[in-house]
PDB file of N, CA and C in Angstrom:
ATOM      1  N   MET A   1     152.214  83.231 132.882  1.00  0.00           N
ATOM      2  CA  MET A   1     150.469  84.074 131.445  1.00  0.00           C
ATOM      3  C   MET A   1     150.442  83.555 130.894  1.00  0.00           C
ATOM      4  N   GLU A   2     152.094  82.612 130.034  1.00  0.00           N
ATOM      5  CA  GLU A   2     151.101  82.028 128.632  1.00  0.00           C
ATOM      6  C   GLU A   2     150.712  80.648 129.039  1.00  0.00           C
ATOM      7  N   GLN A   3     150.728  80.216 130.067  1.00  0.00           N
ATOM      8  CA  GLN A   3     150.369  78.541 130.960  1.00  0.00           C
ATOM      9  C   GLN A   3     148.509  79.309 130.481  1.00  0.00           C
ATOM     10  N   LEU A   4     147.760  80.405 131.960  1.00  0.00           N
ATOM     11  CA  LEU A   4     146.981  81.140 131.510  1.00  0.00           C
ATOM     12  C   LEU A   4     146.335  81.194 130.447  1.00  0.00           C
ATOM     13  N   PHE A   5     146.863  82.185 129.654  1.00  0.00           N
ATOM     14  CA  PHE A   5     146.020  82.519 128.833  1.00  0.00           C
ATOM     15  C   PHE A   5     145.565  80.638 127.707  1.00  0.00           C
ATOM     16  N   ALA A   6     146.397  79.678 127.937  1.00  0.00           N
ATOM     17  CA  ALA A   6     146.426  78.574 127.092  1.00  0.00           C
ATOM     18  C   ALA A   6     144.742  77.711 127.635  1.00  0.00           C
ATOM     19  N   GLN A   7     145.428  78.248 129.218  1.00  0.00           N
ATOM     20  CA  GLN A   7     143.880  77.433 129.531  1.00  0.00           C
ATOM     21  C   GLN A   7     142.902  78.281 129.485  1.00  0.00           C
ATOM     22  N   TYR A   8     142.765  79.659 129.521  1.00  0.00           N
ATOM     23  CA  TYR A   8     141.340  80.840 129.415  1.00  0.00           C
ATOM     24  C   TYR A   8     141.435  81.557 128.526  1.00  0.00           C
ATOM     25  N   PRO A   9     141.491  81.569 127.145  1.00  0.00           N
ATOM     26  CA  PRO A   9     141.872  82.967 127.011  1.00  0.00           C
ATOM     27  C   PRO A   9     140.850  83.228 126.175  1.00  0.00           C
ATOM     28  N   LEU A  10     139.423  83.451 126.547  1.00  0.00           N
ATOM     29  CA  LEU A  10     138.147  84.449 126.297  1.00  0.00           C
ATOM     30  C   LEU A  10     138.936  85.032 127.680  1.00  0.00           C
ATOM     31  N   VAL A  11     139.234  85.008 128.824  1.00  0.00           N
ATOM     32  CA  VAL A  11     139.177  85.061 129.851  1.00  0.00           C
ATOM     33  C   VAL A  11     140.074  86.161 129.966  1.00  0.00           C
ATOM     34  N   VAL A  12     141.013  86.370 129.591  1.00  0.00           N
ATOM     35  CA  VAL A  12     142.189  86.748 129.216  1.00  0.00           C
ATOM     36  C   VAL A  12     141.908  87.622 128.045  1.00  0.00           C
ATOM     37  N   ILE A  13     141.805  87.650 127.480  1.00  0.00           N
ATOM     38  CA  ILE A  13     141.406  88.503 126.212  1.00  0.00           C
ATOM     39  C   ILE A  13     140.283  89.762 127.073  1.00  0.00           C
ATOM     40  N   LEU A  14     139.140  89.522 127.416  1.00  0.00           N
ATOM     41  CA  LEU A  14     138.617  90.537 128.162  1.00  0.00           C
ATOM     42  C   LEU A  14     138.660  90.935 128.994  1.00  0.00           C
ATOM     43  N   ILE A  15     139.566  90.655 130.303  1.00  0.00           N
ATOM     44  CA  ILE A  15     140.118  91.303 131.130  1.00  0.00           C
ATOM     45  C   ILE A  15     141.144  92.525 130.576  1.00  0.00           C
ATOM     46  N   LEU A  16     141.794  91.886 130.058  1.00  0.00           N
ATOM     47  CA  LEU A  16     142.700  92.859 129.130  1.00  0.00           C
ATOM     48  C   LEU A  16     141.974  94.350 128.370  1.00  0.00           C
ATOM     49  N   ALA A  17     140.293  94.253 127.545  1.00  0.00           N
ATOM     50  CA  ALA A  17     139.689  94.806 127.056  1.00  0.00           C
ATOM     51  C   ALA A  17     139.032  95.574 128.075  1.00  0.00           C
ATOM     52  N   ASN A  18     139.217  95.170 128.834  1.00  0.00           N
ATOM     53  CA  ASN A  18     138.675  96.206 130.177  1.00  0.00           C
ATOM     54  C   ASN A  18     139.263  96.522 130.554  1.00  0.00           C
ATOM     55  N   TYR A  19     140.782  96.413 131.106  1.00  0.00           N
ATOM     56  CA  TYR A  19     141.509  97.776 131.412  1.00  0.00           C
ATOM     57  C   TYR A  19     142.174  98.790 129.967  1.00  0.00           C
ATOM     58  N   LEU A  20     141.292  98.314 128.966  1.00  0.00           N
ATOM     59  CA  LEU A  20     141.734  99.056 127.804  1.00  0.00           C
ATOM     60  C   LEU A  20     140.476 100.125 127.576  1.00  0.00           C
ATOM     61  N   VAL A  21     139.393  99.282 128.029  1.00  0.00           N
ATOM     62  CA  VAL A  21     138.299 100.797 128.026  1.00  0.00           C
ATOM     63  C   VAL A  21     138.241 101.502 128.842  1.00  0.00           C
ATOM     64  N   VAL A  22     139.245 100.759 130.112  1.00  0.00           N
ATOM     65  CA  VAL A  22     138.938 101.677 131.342  1.00  0.00           C
ATOM     66  C   VAL A  22     140.100 102.549 131.254  1.00  0.00           C
ATOM     67  N   LEU A  23     141.000 102.239 130.494  1.00  0.00           N
ATOM     68  CA  LEU A  23     142.154 103.451 131.109  1.00  0.00           C
ATOM     69  C   LEU A  23     141.493 104.470 128.889  1.00  0.00           C
ATOM     70  N   LEU A  24     141.281 104.187 128.800  1.00  0.00           N
ATOM     71  CA  LEU A  24     140.780 105.071 127.440  1.00  0.00           C
ATOM     72  C   LEU A  24     139.577 105.686 128.235  1.00  0.00           C
ATOM     73  N   SER A  25     138.881 105.016 128.915  1.00  0.00           N
ATOM     74  CA  SER A  25     137.556 106.418 129.543  1.00  0.00           C
ATOM     75  C   SER A  25     138.110 107.193 130.357  1.00  0.00           C
ATOM     76  N   ILE A  26     139.493 107.057 131.196  1.00  0.00           N
ATOM     77  CA  ILE A  26     139.936 107.877 132.186  1.00  0.00           C
ATOM     78  C   ILE A  26     141.448 109.007 131.240  1.00  0.00           C
ATOM     79  N   PHE A  27     141.832 108.423 129.884  1.00  0.00           N
ATOM     80  CA  PHE A  27     142.361 109.419 129.520  1.00  0.00           C
ATOM     81  C   PHE A  27     141.007 110.766 128.802  1.00  0.00           C
ATOM     82  N   HIS A  28     139.569 110.148 128.682  1.00  0.00           N
ATOM     83  CA  HIS A  28     139.006 111.276 128.387  1.00  0.00           C
ATOM     84  C   HIS A  28     137.954 112.125 129.555  1.00  0.00           C
ATOM     85  N   LEU A  29     138.146 111.291 130.082  1.00  0.00           N
ATOM     86  CA  LEU A  29     137.648 111.746 131.588  1.00  0.00           C
ATOM     87  C   LEU A  29     139.051 113.004 131.923  1.00  0.00           C
ATOM     88  N   ILE A  30     140.586 112.928 131.652  1.00  0.00           N
ATOM     89  CA  ILE A  30     141.132 114.128 131.821  1.00  0.00           C
ATOM     90  C   ILE A  30     141.373 115.078 130.966  1.00  0.00           C
ATOM     91  N   PHE A  31     140.989 114.179 129.362  1.00  0.00           N
ATOM     92  CA  PHE A  31     142.085 115.592 128.250  1.00  0.00           C
ATOM     93  C   PHE A  31     140.237 116.200 128.114  1.00  0.00           C
ATOM     94  N   ARG A  32     139.126 115.348 128.056  1.00  0.00           N
ATOM     95  CA  ARG A  32     137.863 115.842 126.624  1.00  0.00           C
ATOM     96  C   ARG A  32     136.165 116.438 127.727  1.00  0.00           C
ATOM     97  N   SER A  33     136.187 115.915 128.989  1.00  0.00           N
ATOM     98  CA  SER A  33     135.167 116.252 129.818  1.00  0.00           C
ATOM     99  C   SER A  33     135.106 117.383 130.341  1.00  0.00           C
ATOM    100  N   HIS A  34     134.099 118.229 130.939  1.00  0.00           N
ATOM    101  CA  HIS A  34     133.545 119.139 131.318  1.00  0.00           C
ATOM    102  C   HIS A  34     133.924 118.915 132.922  1.00  0.00           C
ATOM    103  N   TYR A  35     133.804 117.455 133.461  1.00  0.00           N
ATOM    104  CA  TYR A  35     133.665 117.870 134.646  1.00  0.00           C
ATOM    105  C   TYR A  35     134.838 118.732 135.313  1.00  0.00           C
ATOM    106  N   THR A  36     133.766 118.799 136.737  1.00  0.00           N
ATOM    107  CA  THR A  36     134.957 119.384 137.617  1.00  0.00           C
ATOM    108  C   THR A  36     136.632 118.915 138.245  1.00  0.00           C
ATOM    109  N   LEU A  37     136.944 119.129 138.798  1.00  0.00           N
ATOM    110  CA  LEU A  37     137.916 118.137 139.401  1.00  0.00           C
ATOM    111  C   LEU A  37     137.450 117.358 140.756  1.00  0.00           C
ATOM    112  N   THR A  38     136.544 118.220 141.299  1.00  0.00           N
ATOM    113  CA  THR A  38     135.920 116.268 142.114  1.00  0.00           C
ATOM    114  C   THR A  38     134.974 115.352 141.704  1.00  0.00           C
ATOM    115  N   GLN A  39     134.826 116.457 140.818  1.00  0.00           N
ATOM    116  CA  GLN A  39     133.580 114.888 140.240  1.00  0.00           C
ATOM    117  C   GLN A  39     134.701 114.309 139.054  1.00  0.00           C
ATOM    118  N   ARG A  40     135.550 114.244 138.302  1.00  0.00           N
ATOM    119  CA  ARG A  40     136.320 113.107 137.743  1.00  0.00           C
ATOM    120  C   ARG A  40     137.577 112.949 138.768  1.00  0.00           C
ATOM    121  N   LEU A  41     137.832 113.096 139.873  1.00  0.00           N
ATOM    122  CA  LEU A  41     138.099 112.711 140.878  1.00  0.00           C
ATOM    123  C   LEU A  41     137.156 111.016 141.524  1.00  0.00           C
ATOM    124  N   ASN A  42     136.304 111.741 141.804  1.00  0.00           N
ATOM    125  CA  ASN A  42     135.101 110.295 141.838  1.00  0.00           C
ATOM    126  C   ASN A  42     134.699 109.880 140.505  1.00  0.00           C
ATOM    127  N   TRP A  43     134.759 109.970 139.234  1.00  0.00           N
ATOM    128  CA  TRP A  43     134.800 109.373 137.727  1.00  0.00           C
ATOM    129  C   TRP A  43     136.023 107.872 137.926  1.00  0.00           C
ATOM    130  N   MET A  44     137.419 108.585 138.230  1.00  0.00           N
ATOM    131  CA  MET A  44     138.511 107.886 138.796  1.00  0.00           C
ATOM    132  C   MET A  44     137.734 106.839 139.392  1.00  0.00           C
ATOM    133  N   VAL A  45     137.421 107.013 140.652  1.00  0.00           N
ATOM    134  CA  VAL A  45     137.444 105.999 141.619  1.00  0.00           C
ATOM    135  C   VAL A  45     136.671 104.883 141.300  1.00  0.00           C
ATOM    136  N   LEU A  46     134.977 105.479 140.441  1.00  0.00           N
ATOM    137  CA  LEU A  46     134.518 104.195 139.913  1.00  0.00           C
ATOM    138  C   LEU A  46     134.859 103.779 138.586  1.00  0.00           C
ATOM    139  N   LEU A  47     135.389 104.653 137.944  1.00  0.00           N
ATOM    140  CA  LEU A  47     135.695 103.360 136.748  1.00  0.00           C
ATOM    141  C   LEU A  47     137.639 102.479 136.733  1.00  0.00           C
ATOM    142  N   TRP A  48     137.751 102.208 138.515  1.00  0.00           N
ATOM    143  CA  TRP A  48     139.012 100.974 138.738  1.00  0.00           C
ATOM    144  C   TRP A  48     138.016 101.298 139.421  1.00  0.00           C
ATOM    145  N   ILE A  49     137.108 101.189 140.641  1.00  0.00           N
ATOM    146  CA  ILE A  49     136.533  99.591 141.641  1.00  0.00           C
ATOM    147  C   ILE A  49     135.301  99.309 140.514  1.00  0.00           C
ATOM    148  N   LEU A  50     134.963  99.247 139.980  1.00  0.00           N
ATOM    149  CA  LEU A  50     133.488  98.437 139.486  1.00  0.00           C
ATOM    150  C   LEU A  50     134.235  98.672 137.820  1.00  0.00           C
ATOM    151  N   PRO A  51     134.611  97.491 137.997  1.00  0.00           N
ATOM    152  CA  PRO A  51     135.620  97.118 136.494  1.00  0.00           C
ATOM    153  C   PRO A  51     134.528  97.106 135.330  1.00  0.00           C
ATOM    154  N   VAL A  52     133.575  96.727 135.251  1.00  0.00           N
ATOM    155  CA  VAL A  52     132.845  96.681 134.047  1.00  0.00           C
ATOM    156  C   VAL A  52     131.474  97.617 133.722  1.00  0.00           C
ATOM    157  N   PHE A  53     131.399  98.016 134.460  1.00  0.00           N
ATOM    158  CA  PHE A  53     129.918  98.998 134.993  1.00  0.00           C
ATOM    159  C   PHE A  53     130.401 100.374 135.345  1.00  0.00           C
ATOM    160  N   GLY A  54     132.034 100.216 135.642  1.00  0.00           N
ATOM    161  CA  GLY A  54     131.901 102.139 135.811  1.00  0.00           C
ATOM    162  C   GLY A  54     132.022 102.832 134.594  1.00  0.00           C
ATOM    163  N   PRO A  55     132.848 101.815 133.215  1.00  0.00           N
ATOM    164  CA  PRO A  55     133.028 102.370 131.945  1.00  0.00           C
ATOM    165  C   PRO A  55     131.667 102.730 131.429  1.00  0.00           C
ATOM    166  N   VAL A  56     131.288 101.938 131.539  1.00  0.00           N
ATOM    167  CA  VAL A  56     129.692 102.044 131.104  1.00  0.00           C
ATOM    168  C   VAL A  56     128.653 102.699 131.518  1.00  0.00           C
ATOM    169  N   THR A  57     129.089 103.026 133.188  1.00  0.00           N
ATOM    170  CA  THR A  57     128.080 104.252 133.503  1.00  0.00           C
ATOM    171  C   THR A  57     129.028 105.973 133.014  1.00  0.00           C
ATOM    172  N   TYR A  58     129.869 105.726 133.273  1.00  0.00           N
ATOM    173  CA  TYR A  58     130.863 106.871 132.390  1.00  0.00           C
ATOM    174  C   TYR A  58     130.341 107.013 131.641  1.00  0.00           C
ATOM    175  N   TRP A  59     130.273 106.895 130.358  1.00  0.00           N
ATOM    176  CA  TRP A  59     130.076 106.960 128.474  1.00  0.00           C
ATOM    177  C   TRP A  59     128.605 107.292 128.669  1.00  0.00           C
ATOM    178  N   TYR A  60     127.486 106.165 129.478  1.00  0.00           N
ATOM    179  CA  TYR A  60     126.083 106.939 129.832  1.00  0.00           C
ATOM    180  C   TYR A  60     125.729 108.009 130.507  1.00  0.00           C
ATOM    181  N   PHE A  61     126.467 108.934 131.241  1.00  0.00           N
ATOM    182  CA  PHE A  61     126.275 109.986 132.274  1.00  0.00           C
ATOM    183  C   PHE A  61     126.775 111.080 131.248  1.00  0.00           C
ATOM    184  N   TRP A  62     128.221 110.481 130.203  1.00  0.00           N
ATOM    185  CA  TRP A  62     129.033 111.840 129.477  1.00  0.00           C
ATOM    186  C   TRP A  62     127.763 111.671 128.323  1.00  0.00           C
ATOM    187  N   GLN A  63     127.072 110.801 127.428  1.00  0.00           N
ATOM    188  CA  GLN A  63     126.508 111.365 126.841  1.00  0.00           C
ATOM    189  C   GLN A  63     124.903 111.861 127.080  1.00  0.00           C
ATOM    190  N   LYS A  64     124.538 111.549 127.863  1.00  0.00           N
ATOM    191  CA  LYS A  64     123.920 112.522 128.438  1.00  0.00           C
ATOM    192  C   LYS A  64     123.555 113.528 129.058  1.00  0.00           C
ATOM    193  N   GLY A  65     124.975 113.865 129.483  1.00  0.00           N
ATOM    194  CA  GLY A  65     125.105 115.480 129.762  1.00  0.00           C
ATOM    195  C   GLY A  65     125.848 116.031 128.732  1.00  0.00           C
ATOM    196  N   LYS A  66     125.708 115.693 127.469  1.00  0.00           N
ATOM    197  CA  LYS A  66     126.849 115.895 126.241  1.00  0.00           C
ATOM    198  C   LYS A  66     124.963 116.653 125.460  1.00  0.00           C
ATOM    199  N   LYS A  67     123.909 115.815 125.487  1.00  0.00           N
ATOM    200  CA  LYS A  67     122.622 116.002 124.727  1.00  0.00           C
ATOM    201  C   LYS A  67     122.445 117.243 125.561  1.00  0.00           C
ATOM    202  N   THR A  68     122.195 116.977 126.908  1.00  0.00           N
ATOM    203  CA  THR A  68     121.310 118.005 127.826  1.00  0.00           C
ATOM    204  C   THR A  68     122.626 119.973 127.628  1.00  0.00           C
ATOM    205  N   GLY A  69     123.371 119.615 127.791  1.00  0.00           N
ATOM    206  CA  GLY A  69     124.292 120.790 127.635  1.00  0.00           C
ATOM    207  C   GLY A  69     124.595 120.725 128.810  1.00  0.00           C
ATOM    208  N   ASN A  70     124.913 119.668 129.658  1.00  0.00           N
ATOM    209  CA  ASN A  70     125.332 120.212 130.490  1.00  0.00           C
ATOM    210  C   ASN A  70     127.628 119.889 131.135  1.00  0.00           C
TER     211      ASN A  70
END
């Protein structure tokens, strides 16, 4: 890991940051969202399969649903 970090520090930091955002999104999805169980499971799959677009899409739709009251 140290050798990889020494060669590509930005890539390692971006990967770690991505997984931190995914974990934060999953925590929010489980404990603070209004989605049903099926919707939550679908979001979890999306968050892990789509590394960058999953969390961005989740937070976008959560904010959109919050504004409309859904």
